[in-house]
């Protein structure tokens, strides 16, 4: 069985406060069947949260330490 799935993808490294234009919303079809040989599970997310820690991960890294400003 295939269902419609929405993806929120960021376009590029984000500078400053994230804006709606920093993201792309894609809709694709996915299969709900988990392979028989897999121990995996299928999870449905109801909400997407971009907390402040995620902003560190979305910015361009200029050196080896992502936690420097």
PDB file of N, CA and C in Angstrom:
ATOM      1  N   UNK A   1       0.845  -1.178   0.000  1.00  0.00           N
ATOM      2  CA  UNK A   1       0.000   0.000   0.000  1.00  0.00           C
ATOM      3  C   UNK A   1       0.890   1.241   0.000  1.00  0.00           C
ATOM      4  N   UNK A   2       0.627   2.168  -0.880  1.00  0.00           N
ATOM      5  CA  UNK A   2       1.370   3.417  -0.940  1.00  0.00           C
ATOM      6  C   UNK A   2       0.526   4.559  -0.405  1.00  0.00           C
ATOM      7  N   UNK A   3       1.198   5.480   0.294  1.00  0.00           N
ATOM      8  CA  UNK A   3       0.531   6.663   0.832  1.00  0.00           C
ATOM      9  C   UNK A   3       1.358   7.893   0.488  1.00  0.00           C
ATOM     10  N   UNK A   4       0.743   9.039   0.603  1.00  0.00           N
ATOM     11  CA  UNK A   4       1.411  10.306   0.368  1.00  0.00           C
ATOM     12  C   UNK A   4       2.244  10.678   1.602  1.00  0.00           C
ATOM     13  N   UNK A   5       3.482  11.107   1.381  1.00  0.00           N
ATOM     14  CA  UNK A   5       4.382  11.452   2.471  1.00  0.00           C
ATOM     15  C   UNK A   5       4.964  12.836   2.220  1.00  0.00           C
ATOM     16  N   UNK A   6       4.924  13.701   3.229  1.00  0.00           N
ATOM     17  CA  UNK A   6       5.489  15.048   3.104  1.00  0.00           C
ATOM     18  C   UNK A   6       6.888  15.070   3.696  1.00  0.00           C
ATOM     19  N   UNK A   7       7.815  15.735   3.000  1.00  0.00           N
ATOM     20  CA  UNK A   7       9.187  15.895   3.467  1.00  0.00           C
ATOM     21  C   UNK A   7       9.471  17.381   3.623  1.00  0.00           C
ATOM     22  N   UNK A   8      10.099  17.755   4.728  1.00  0.00           N
ATOM     23  CA  UNK A   8      10.556  19.120   4.932  1.00  0.00           C
ATOM     24  C   UNK A   8      12.079  19.075   4.831  1.00  0.00           C
ATOM     25  N   UNK A   9      12.625  19.717   3.807  1.00  0.00           N
ATOM     26  CA  UNK A   9      14.055  19.665   3.521  1.00  0.00           C
ATOM     27  C   UNK A   9      14.585  21.090   3.505  1.00  0.00           C
ATOM     28  N   UNK A  10      15.731  21.306   4.160  1.00  0.00           N
ATOM     29  CA  UNK A  10      16.267  22.663   4.080  1.00  0.00           C
ATOM     30  C   UNK A  10      17.129  22.815   2.845  1.00  0.00           C
ATOM     31  N   UNK A  11      17.027  23.995   2.223  1.00  0.00           N
ATOM     32  CA  UNK A  11      17.655  24.261   0.934  1.00  0.00           C
ATOM     33  C   UNK A  11      19.175  24.343   1.034  1.00  0.00           C
ATOM     34  N   UNK A  12      19.684  24.999   2.048  1.00  0.00           N
ATOM     35  CA  UNK A  12      21.118  25.236   2.195  1.00  0.00           C
ATOM     36  C   UNK A  12      21.382  25.542   3.663  1.00  0.00           C
ATOM     37  N   UNK A  13      22.619  25.758   3.996  1.00  0.00           N
ATOM     38  CA  UNK A  13      22.951  26.122   5.374  1.00  0.00           C
ATOM     39  C   UNK A  13      22.210  27.401   5.740  1.00  0.00           C
ATOM     40  N   UNK A  14      21.708  27.468   6.959  1.00  0.00           N
ATOM     41  CA  UNK A  14      20.858  28.574   7.395  1.00  0.00           C
ATOM     42  C   UNK A  14      21.676  29.578   8.193  1.00  0.00           C
ATOM     43  N   UNK A  15      21.526  30.848   7.853  1.00  0.00           N
ATOM     44  CA  UNK A  15      22.179  31.938   8.577  1.00  0.00           C
ATOM     45  C   UNK A  15      21.100  32.710   9.324  1.00  0.00           C
ATOM     46  N   UNK A  16      21.308  32.903  10.628  1.00  0.00           N
ATOM     47  CA  UNK A  16      20.323  33.637  11.413  1.00  0.00           C
ATOM     48  C   UNK A  16      19.117  32.779  11.751  1.00  0.00           C
ATOM     49  N   UNK A  17      17.988  33.432  11.953  1.00  0.00           N
ATOM     50  CA  UNK A  17      16.760  32.740  12.317  1.00  0.00           C
ATOM     51  C   UNK A  17      16.171  32.048  11.083  1.00  0.00           C
ATOM     52  N   UNK A  18      15.794  30.764  11.159  1.00  0.00           N
ATOM     53  CA  UNK A  18      15.229  30.066   9.990  1.00  0.00           C
ATOM     54  C   UNK A  18      13.938  30.722   9.504  1.00  0.00           C
ATOM     55  N   UNK A  19      13.813  30.823   8.181  1.00  0.00           N
ATOM     56  CA  UNK A  19      12.619  31.378   7.557  1.00  0.00           C
ATOM     57  C   UNK A  19      11.955  30.292   6.714  1.00  0.00           C
ATOM     58  N   UNK A  20      10.710  30.474   6.392  1.00  0.00           N
ATOM     59  CA  UNK A  20       9.982  29.499   5.578  1.00  0.00           C
ATOM     60  C   UNK A  20      10.678  29.272   4.238  1.00  0.00           C
ATOM     61  N   UNK A  21      11.299  30.318   3.688  1.00  0.00           N
ATOM     62  CA  UNK A  21      11.973  30.206   2.394  1.00  0.00           C
ATOM     63  C   UNK A  21      13.255  29.374   2.476  1.00  0.00           C
ATOM     64  N   UNK A  22      13.733  29.064   3.680  1.00  0.00           N
ATOM     65  CA  UNK A  22      14.924  28.223   3.851  1.00  0.00           C
ATOM     66  C   UNK A  22      14.611  26.744   3.656  1.00  0.00           C
ATOM     67  N   UNK A  23      13.335  26.407   3.556  1.00  0.00           N
ATOM     68  CA  UNK A  23      12.907  25.013   3.481  1.00  0.00           C
ATOM     69  C   UNK A  23      12.113  24.737   2.210  1.00  0.00           C
ATOM     70  N   UNK A  24      12.093  23.476   1.799  1.00  0.00           N
ATOM     71  CA  UNK A  24      11.287  23.017   0.668  1.00  0.00           C
ATOM     72  C   UNK A  24      10.343  21.941   1.200  1.00  0.00           C
ATOM     73  N   UNK A  25       9.097  21.989   0.791  1.00  0.00           N
ATOM     74  CA  UNK A  25       8.123  20.970   1.169  1.00  0.00           C
ATOM     75  C   UNK A  25       7.863  20.091  -0.046  1.00  0.00           C
ATOM     76  N   UNK A  26       8.259  18.822   0.039  1.00  0.00           N
ATOM     77  CA  UNK A  26       8.045  17.856  -1.037  1.00  0.00           C
ATOM     78  C   UNK A  26       6.975  16.860  -0.607  1.00  0.00           C
ATOM     79  N   UNK A  27       6.216  16.382  -1.562  1.00  0.00           N
ATOM     80  CA  UNK A  27       5.251  15.314  -1.317  1.00  0.00           C
ATOM     81  C   UNK A  27       5.601  14.162  -2.243  1.00  0.00           C
ATOM     82  N   UNK A  28       5.828  12.983  -1.651  1.00  0.00           N
ATOM     83  CA  UNK A  28       6.170  11.791  -2.429  1.00  0.00           C
ATOM     84  C   UNK A  28       5.283  10.636  -1.984  1.00  0.00           C
ATOM     85  N   UNK A  29       5.275   9.559  -2.759  1.00  0.00           N
ATOM     86  CA  UNK A  29       4.539   8.351  -2.399  1.00  0.00           C
ATOM     87  C   UNK A  29       5.524   7.361  -1.780  1.00  0.00           C
ATOM     88  N   UNK A  30       5.146   6.768  -0.644  1.00  0.00           N
ATOM     89  CA  UNK A  30       5.985   5.758  -0.004  1.00  0.00           C
ATOM     90  C   UNK A  30       5.164   4.507   0.252  1.00  0.00           C
ATOM     91  N   UNK A  31       5.858   3.387   0.353  1.00  0.00           N
ATOM     92  CA  UNK A  31       5.213   2.116   0.655  1.00  0.00           C
ATOM     93  C   UNK A  31       5.171   1.933   2.171  1.00  0.00           C
ATOM     94  N   UNK A  32       4.055   1.461   2.683  1.00  0.00           N
ATOM     95  CA  UNK A  32       3.926   1.225   4.120  1.00  0.00           C
ATOM     96  C   UNK A  32       4.407  -0.157   4.534  1.00  0.00           C
ATOM     97  N   UNK A  33       4.872  -0.953   3.592  1.00  0.00           N
ATOM     98  CA  UNK A  33       5.307  -2.308   3.912  1.00  0.00           C
ATOM     99  C   UNK A  33       6.747  -2.304   4.410  1.00  0.00           C
ATOM    100  N   UNK A  34       6.964  -2.867   5.587  1.00  0.00           N
ATOM    101  CA  UNK A  34       8.307  -3.071   6.125  1.00  0.00           C
ATOM    102  C   UNK A  34       8.780  -4.428   5.605  1.00  0.00           C
ATOM    103  N   UNK A  35      10.001  -4.507   5.060  1.00  0.00           N
ATOM    104  CA  UNK A  35      10.480  -5.793   4.536  1.00  0.00           C
ATOM    105  C   UNK A  35      10.378  -6.913   5.568  1.00  0.00           C
ATOM    106  N   UNK A  36      10.006  -8.108   5.115  1.00  0.00           N
ATOM    107  CA  UNK A  36       9.807  -9.240   6.017  1.00  0.00           C
ATOM    108  C   UNK A  36      11.058  -9.589   6.818  1.00  0.00           C
ATOM    109  N   UNK A  37      12.240  -9.464   6.212  1.00  0.00           N
ATOM    110  CA  UNK A  37      13.480  -9.812   6.908  1.00  0.00           C
ATOM    111  C   UNK A  37      13.965  -8.701   7.839  1.00  0.00           C
ATOM    112  N   UNK A  38      13.229  -7.618   7.918  1.00  0.00           N
ATOM    113  CA  UNK A  38      13.629  -6.471   8.737  1.00  0.00           C
ATOM    114  C   UNK A  38      12.984  -6.522  10.118  1.00  0.00           C
ATOM    115  N   UNK A  39      13.691  -6.010  11.096  1.00  0.00           N
ATOM    116  CA  UNK A  39      13.112  -5.824  12.438  1.00  0.00           C
ATOM    117  C   UNK A  39      12.655  -4.386  12.618  1.00  0.00           C
ATOM    118  N   UNK A  40      12.571  -3.649  11.517  1.00  0.00           N
ATOM    119  CA  UNK A  40      12.222  -2.235  11.563  1.00  0.00           C
ATOM    120  C   UNK A  40      10.752  -2.001  11.874  1.00  0.00           C
ATOM    121  N   UNK A  41      10.456  -0.757  12.194  1.00  0.00           N
ATOM    122  CA  UNK A  41       9.082  -0.323  12.444  1.00  0.00           C
ATOM    123  C   UNK A  41       8.821   0.921  11.604  1.00  0.00           C
ATOM    124  N   UNK A  42       7.578   1.206  11.355  1.00  0.00           N
ATOM    125  CA  UNK A  42       7.176   2.394  10.623  1.00  0.00           C
ATOM    126  C   UNK A  42       6.570   3.370  11.614  1.00  0.00           C
ATOM    127  N   UNK A  43       7.051   4.603  11.610  1.00  0.00           N
ATOM    128  CA  UNK A  43       6.606   5.611  12.573  1.00  0.00           C
ATOM    129  C   UNK A  43       5.957   6.767  11.831  1.00  0.00           C
ATOM    130  N   UNK A  44       4.846   7.256  12.340  1.00  0.00           N
ATOM    131  CA  UNK A  44       4.179   8.417  11.764  1.00  0.00           C
ATOM    132  C   UNK A  44       4.432   9.616  12.664  1.00  0.00           C
ATOM    133  N   UNK A  45       5.081  10.653  12.110  1.00  0.00           N
ATOM    134  CA  UNK A  45       5.310  11.885  12.865  1.00  0.00           C
ATOM    135  C   UNK A  45       4.102  12.794  12.714  1.00  0.00           C
ATOM    136  N   UNK A  46       3.652  13.338  13.820  1.00  0.00           N
ATOM    137  CA  UNK A  46       2.519  14.251  13.783  1.00  0.00           C
ATOM    138  C   UNK A  46       2.969  15.702  13.766  1.00  0.00           C
ATOM    139  N   UNK A  47       4.145  15.989  14.318  1.00  0.00           N
ATOM    140  CA  UNK A  47       4.653  17.358  14.413  1.00  0.00           C
ATOM    141  C   UNK A  47       6.129  17.388  14.048  1.00  0.00           C
ATOM    142  N   UNK A  48       6.576  18.511  13.523  1.00  0.00           N
ATOM    143  CA  UNK A  48       7.987  18.744  13.243  1.00  0.00           C
ATOM    144  C   UNK A  48       8.434  19.899  14.117  1.00  0.00           C
ATOM    145  N   UNK A  49       9.508  19.696  14.864  1.00  0.00           N
ATOM    146  CA  UNK A  49      10.028  20.734  15.742  1.00  0.00           C
ATOM    147  C   UNK A  49      11.435  21.111  15.310  1.00  0.00           C
ATOM    148  N   UNK A  50      11.696  22.390  15.179  1.00  0.00           N
ATOM    149  CA  UNK A  50      13.049  22.899  14.923  1.00  0.00           C
ATOM    150  C   UNK A  50      13.486  23.644  16.178  1.00  0.00           C
ATOM    151  N   UNK A  51      14.038  22.916  17.121  1.00  0.00           N
ATOM    152  CA  UNK A  51      14.462  23.567  18.356  1.00  0.00           C
ATOM    153  C   UNK A  51      15.805  24.263  18.140  1.00  0.00           C
ATOM    154  N   UNK A  52      16.236  25.128  19.070  1.00  0.00           N
ATOM    155  CA  UNK A  52      17.473  25.888  18.899  1.00  0.00           C
ATOM    156  C   UNK A  52      18.709  25.025  18.642  1.00  0.00           C
ATOM    157  N   UNK A  53      18.799  23.838  19.212  1.00  0.00           N
ATOM    158  CA  UNK A  53      19.959  22.979  18.970  1.00  0.00           C
ATOM    159  C   UNK A  53      20.055  22.604  17.494  1.00  0.00           C
ATOM    160  N   UNK A  54      18.929  22.399  16.840  1.00  0.00           N
ATOM    161  CA  UNK A  54      18.933  22.028  15.421  1.00  0.00           C
ATOM    162  C   UNK A  54      19.552  23.128  14.569  1.00  0.00           C
ATOM    163  N   UNK A  55      19.440  24.402  15.003  1.00  0.00           N
ATOM    164  CA  UNK A  55      20.032  25.511  14.242  1.00  0.00           C
ATOM    165  C   UNK A  55      21.543  25.359  14.148  1.00  0.00           C
ATOM    166  N   UNK A  56      22.173  24.811  15.186  1.00  0.00           N
ATOM    167  CA  UNK A  56      23.619  24.577  15.162  1.00  0.00           C
ATOM    168  C   UNK A  56      23.950  23.578  14.057  1.00  0.00           C
ATOM    169  N   UNK A  57      23.136  22.559  13.910  1.00  0.00           N
ATOM    170  CA  UNK A  57      23.392  21.513  12.921  1.00  0.00           C
ATOM    171  C   UNK A  57      23.088  21.962  11.496  1.00  0.00           C
ATOM    172  N   UNK A  58      22.278  22.998  11.310  1.00  0.00           N
ATOM    173  CA  UNK A  58      21.880  23.448   9.987  1.00  0.00           C
ATOM    174  C   UNK A  58      22.780  24.542   9.427  1.00  0.00           C
ATOM    175  N   UNK A  59      23.718  25.030  10.216  1.00  0.00           N
ATOM    176  CA  UNK A  59      24.567  26.103   9.715  1.00  0.00           C
ATOM    177  C   UNK A  59      25.834  25.546   9.074  1.00  0.00           C
ATOM    178  N   UNK A  60      26.488  26.374   8.320  1.00  0.00           N
ATOM    179  CA  UNK A  60      27.714  25.976   7.636  1.00  0.00           C
ATOM    180  C   UNK A  60      28.852  25.906   8.648  1.00  0.00           C
ATOM    181  N   UNK A  61      29.567  24.791   8.677  1.00  0.00           N
ATOM    182  CA  UNK A  61      30.670  24.600   9.618  1.00  0.00           C
ATOM    183  C   UNK A  61      31.923  25.221   9.015  1.00  0.00           C
ATOM    184  N   UNK A  62      32.554  26.125   9.769  1.00  0.00           N
ATOM    185  CA  UNK A  62      33.747  26.801   9.269  1.00  0.00           C
ATOM    186  C   UNK A  62      35.017  26.213   9.859  1.00  0.00           C
ATOM    187  N   UNK A  63      34.891  25.409  10.905  1.00  0.00           N
ATOM    188  CA  UNK A  63      36.051  24.712  11.455  1.00  0.00           C
ATOM    189  C   UNK A  63      35.597  23.366  11.981  1.00  0.00           C
ATOM    190  N   UNK A  64      36.466  22.631  12.656  1.00  0.00           N
ATOM    191  CA  UNK A  64      36.147  21.278  13.103  1.00  0.00           C
ATOM    192  C   UNK A  64      35.208  21.236  14.298  1.00  0.00           C
ATOM    193  N   UNK A  65      35.024  22.348  15.009  1.00  0.00           N
ATOM    194  CA  UNK A  65      34.164  22.378  16.184  1.00  0.00           C
ATOM    195  C   UNK A  65      32.865  23.074  15.851  1.00  0.00           C
ATOM    196  N   UNK A  66      31.763  22.325  15.738  1.00  0.00           N
ATOM    197  CA  UNK A  66      30.480  22.926  15.356  1.00  0.00           C
ATOM    198  C   UNK A  66      29.880  23.803  16.452  1.00  0.00           C
ATOM    199  N   UNK A  67      30.432  23.746  17.652  1.00  0.00           N
ATOM    200  CA  UNK A  67      29.851  24.491  18.764  1.00  0.00           C
ATOM    201  C   UNK A  67      30.493  25.857  18.960  1.00  0.00           C
ATOM    202  N   UNK A  68      31.391  26.279  18.069  1.00  0.00           N
ATOM    203  CA  UNK A  68      31.966  27.615  18.174  1.00  0.00           C
ATOM    204  C   UNK A  68      31.092  28.596  17.413  1.00  0.00           C
ATOM    205  N   UNK A  69      31.117  29.824  17.818  1.00  0.00           N
ATOM    206  CA  UNK A  69      30.293  30.835  17.147  1.00  0.00           C
ATOM    207  C   UNK A  69      31.092  31.623  16.155  1.00  0.00           C
TER     208      UNK A  69
END
